[in-house]
Protein backbone atom coordinates (compact mmCIF):
# COMPACT_ATOMS: atom_id res chain seq x y z
CA MET A 1 -33.42 65.78 -8.85
CA GLN A 2 -35.37 67.07 -5.88
CA LEU A 3 -38.74 65.61 -4.90
CA LYS A 4 -40.71 68.67 -6.03
CA ASP A 5 -39.07 68.59 -9.46
CA GLN A 6 -39.63 64.84 -9.73
CA ILE A 7 -43.36 65.21 -9.08
CA LYS A 8 -43.63 68.14 -11.52
CA CYS A 9 -41.82 66.13 -14.16
CA ALA A 10 -44.10 63.11 -13.55
CA ILE A 11 -47.14 65.34 -14.04
CA ALA A 12 -45.66 67.02 -17.11
CA THR A 13 -44.81 63.72 -18.78
CA GLY A 14 -48.10 62.05 -17.90
CA ARG A 15 -46.65 59.49 -15.48
CA LEU A 16 -48.97 61.11 -12.94
CA ARG A 17 -52.34 61.79 -14.55
CA PRO A 18 -55.04 64.31 -13.59
CA GLY A 19 -57.09 62.93 -10.70
CA GLU A 20 -54.46 60.35 -9.76
CA GLN A 21 -53.81 59.96 -6.04
CA LEU A 22 -50.28 60.43 -4.75
CA PRO A 23 -48.84 58.27 -1.97
CA THR A 24 -49.54 59.53 1.53
CA VAL A 25 -46.91 61.72 3.14
CA ARG A 26 -45.92 58.86 5.40
CA GLN A 27 -45.77 56.27 2.59
CA LEU A 28 -43.60 58.46 0.38
CA ALA A 29 -41.32 59.46 3.25
CA VAL A 30 -40.71 55.80 4.15
CA GLU A 31 -40.24 54.78 0.51
CA LEU A 32 -37.74 57.58 -0.19
CA ARG A 33 -36.18 57.48 3.27
CA ILE A 34 -36.73 61.19 3.84
CA ASN A 35 -38.34 63.24 6.57
CA PRO A 36 -42.16 63.30 6.39
CA ASN A 37 -42.02 67.08 6.92
CA THR A 38 -40.15 67.36 3.61
CA VAL A 39 -42.88 65.46 1.75
CA SER A 40 -45.58 67.51 3.47
CA ARG A 41 -43.85 70.78 2.54
CA VAL A 42 -43.47 69.68 -1.11
CA TYR A 43 -47.14 68.65 -1.32
CA SER A 44 -48.17 72.01 0.16
CA GLU A 45 -45.99 73.95 -2.30
CA LEU A 46 -47.38 71.98 -5.26
CA GLU A 47 -50.90 72.63 -3.99
CA ARG A 48 -50.19 76.39 -3.83
CA GLU A 49 -48.86 76.18 -7.39
CA GLY A 50 -52.12 74.58 -8.50
CA LEU A 51 -50.68 71.20 -9.41
CA LEU A 52 -52.12 69.19 -6.51
CA ALA A 53 -55.35 69.21 -4.55
CA THR A 54 -55.59 67.83 -1.03
CA ARG A 55 -58.88 66.37 0.12
CA GLN A 56 -59.29 66.12 3.87
CA GLY A 57 -59.11 62.48 4.92
CA LYS A 58 -58.65 61.27 1.32
CA GLY A 59 -55.15 62.39 0.35
CA SER A 60 -53.39 64.42 -2.31
CA PHE A 61 -54.36 64.22 -5.97
CA VAL A 62 -53.06 65.65 -9.23
CA GLN A 63 -55.32 68.57 -10.15
CA GLU A 64 -57.88 67.80 -12.84
CA LYS A 65 -57.16 71.06 -14.63
CA ASN A 66 -53.88 72.78 -13.99
CA VAL A 67 -53.96 76.54 -14.32
CA VAL A 68 -50.36 76.54 -15.51
CA SER A 69 -49.16 73.71 -17.70
CA PRO A 70 -47.14 71.29 -15.60
CA ALA A 71 -44.78 71.05 -18.56
CA LEU A 72 -43.81 74.72 -18.22
CA PRO A 73 -40.83 74.09 -15.89
CA VAL A 74 -39.57 71.39 -18.26
CA LEU A 75 -39.82 73.76 -21.23
CA GLU A 76 -38.12 76.57 -19.28
CA LYS A 77 -35.24 74.24 -18.39
CA LEU A 78 -34.83 73.21 -22.04
CA ILE A 79 -34.74 76.86 -23.10
CA ASP A 80 -32.26 77.75 -20.36
CA ASP A 81 -29.99 74.89 -21.47
CA LEU A 82 -30.34 75.93 -25.13
CA LEU A 83 -29.38 79.54 -24.35
CA VAL A 84 -26.37 78.55 -22.27
CA ARG A 85 -25.11 76.20 -24.97
CA ALA A 86 -25.75 78.69 -27.81
CA LEU A 87 -23.85 81.43 -25.96
CA GLU A 88 -20.99 78.98 -25.29
CA LEU A 89 -20.87 78.32 -29.04
CA GLY A 90 -20.51 82.04 -29.70
CA PHE A 91 -24.02 82.92 -30.84
CA SER A 92 -25.51 86.24 -29.75
CA ILE A 93 -28.95 86.50 -28.15
CA ASP A 94 -30.20 88.21 -31.34
CA GLN A 95 -28.93 85.32 -33.46
CA VAL A 96 -30.60 82.79 -31.17
CA MET A 97 -33.88 84.75 -31.34
CA ASP A 98 -33.72 84.89 -35.14
CA ILE A 99 -33.16 81.14 -35.37
CA LEU A 100 -35.95 80.43 -32.87
CA GLN A 101 -38.39 82.69 -34.74
CA LYS A 102 -37.53 80.92 -37.99
CA LYS A 103 -38.07 77.52 -36.39
CA VAL A 104 -41.38 78.61 -34.84
CA LYS A 105 -42.63 79.74 -38.24
CA GLU A 106 -41.57 76.42 -39.75
CA ALA A 107 -43.41 74.55 -36.99
CA GLU A 108 -46.69 76.50 -37.22
CA PRO A 109 -48.49 73.70 -39.11
CA ILE A 110 -47.83 71.41 -36.16
CA GLY A 111 -51.01 70.81 -34.16
CA PRO A 112 -51.38 70.74 -30.40
CA GLU A 113 -51.61 66.95 -30.27
CA LYS A 114 -48.06 65.96 -29.35
CA GLY A 115 -46.46 67.76 -32.24
CA LYS A 116 -48.38 65.96 -34.98
CA ARG A 117 -48.90 67.82 -38.22
CA GLU A 118 -52.52 68.61 -38.98
């Protein structure tokens, strides 16, 4: 897994929490044995995506409020994997959509708090 994906996953899963400071570019580069320019580029990309905020002289931090859920890439990957596997098993896109719609309707009573039923 690439560094950018690792950081996104850490944010999405809560291993990196809003407001938490990330290691400096230099610290992370040394720890991972990669070029500091790579870390700097990844931090810049994540800042443009709204996941990180850089404060001059203080470092990079996980955004307090992310415009886009950091879990979105994780969900998209799960859906991509599901579609590939369903097609390999011989299901059509329409069949997959029908099954998904049925499952969504069944899950509607589930609240936003980590899938707990209300």
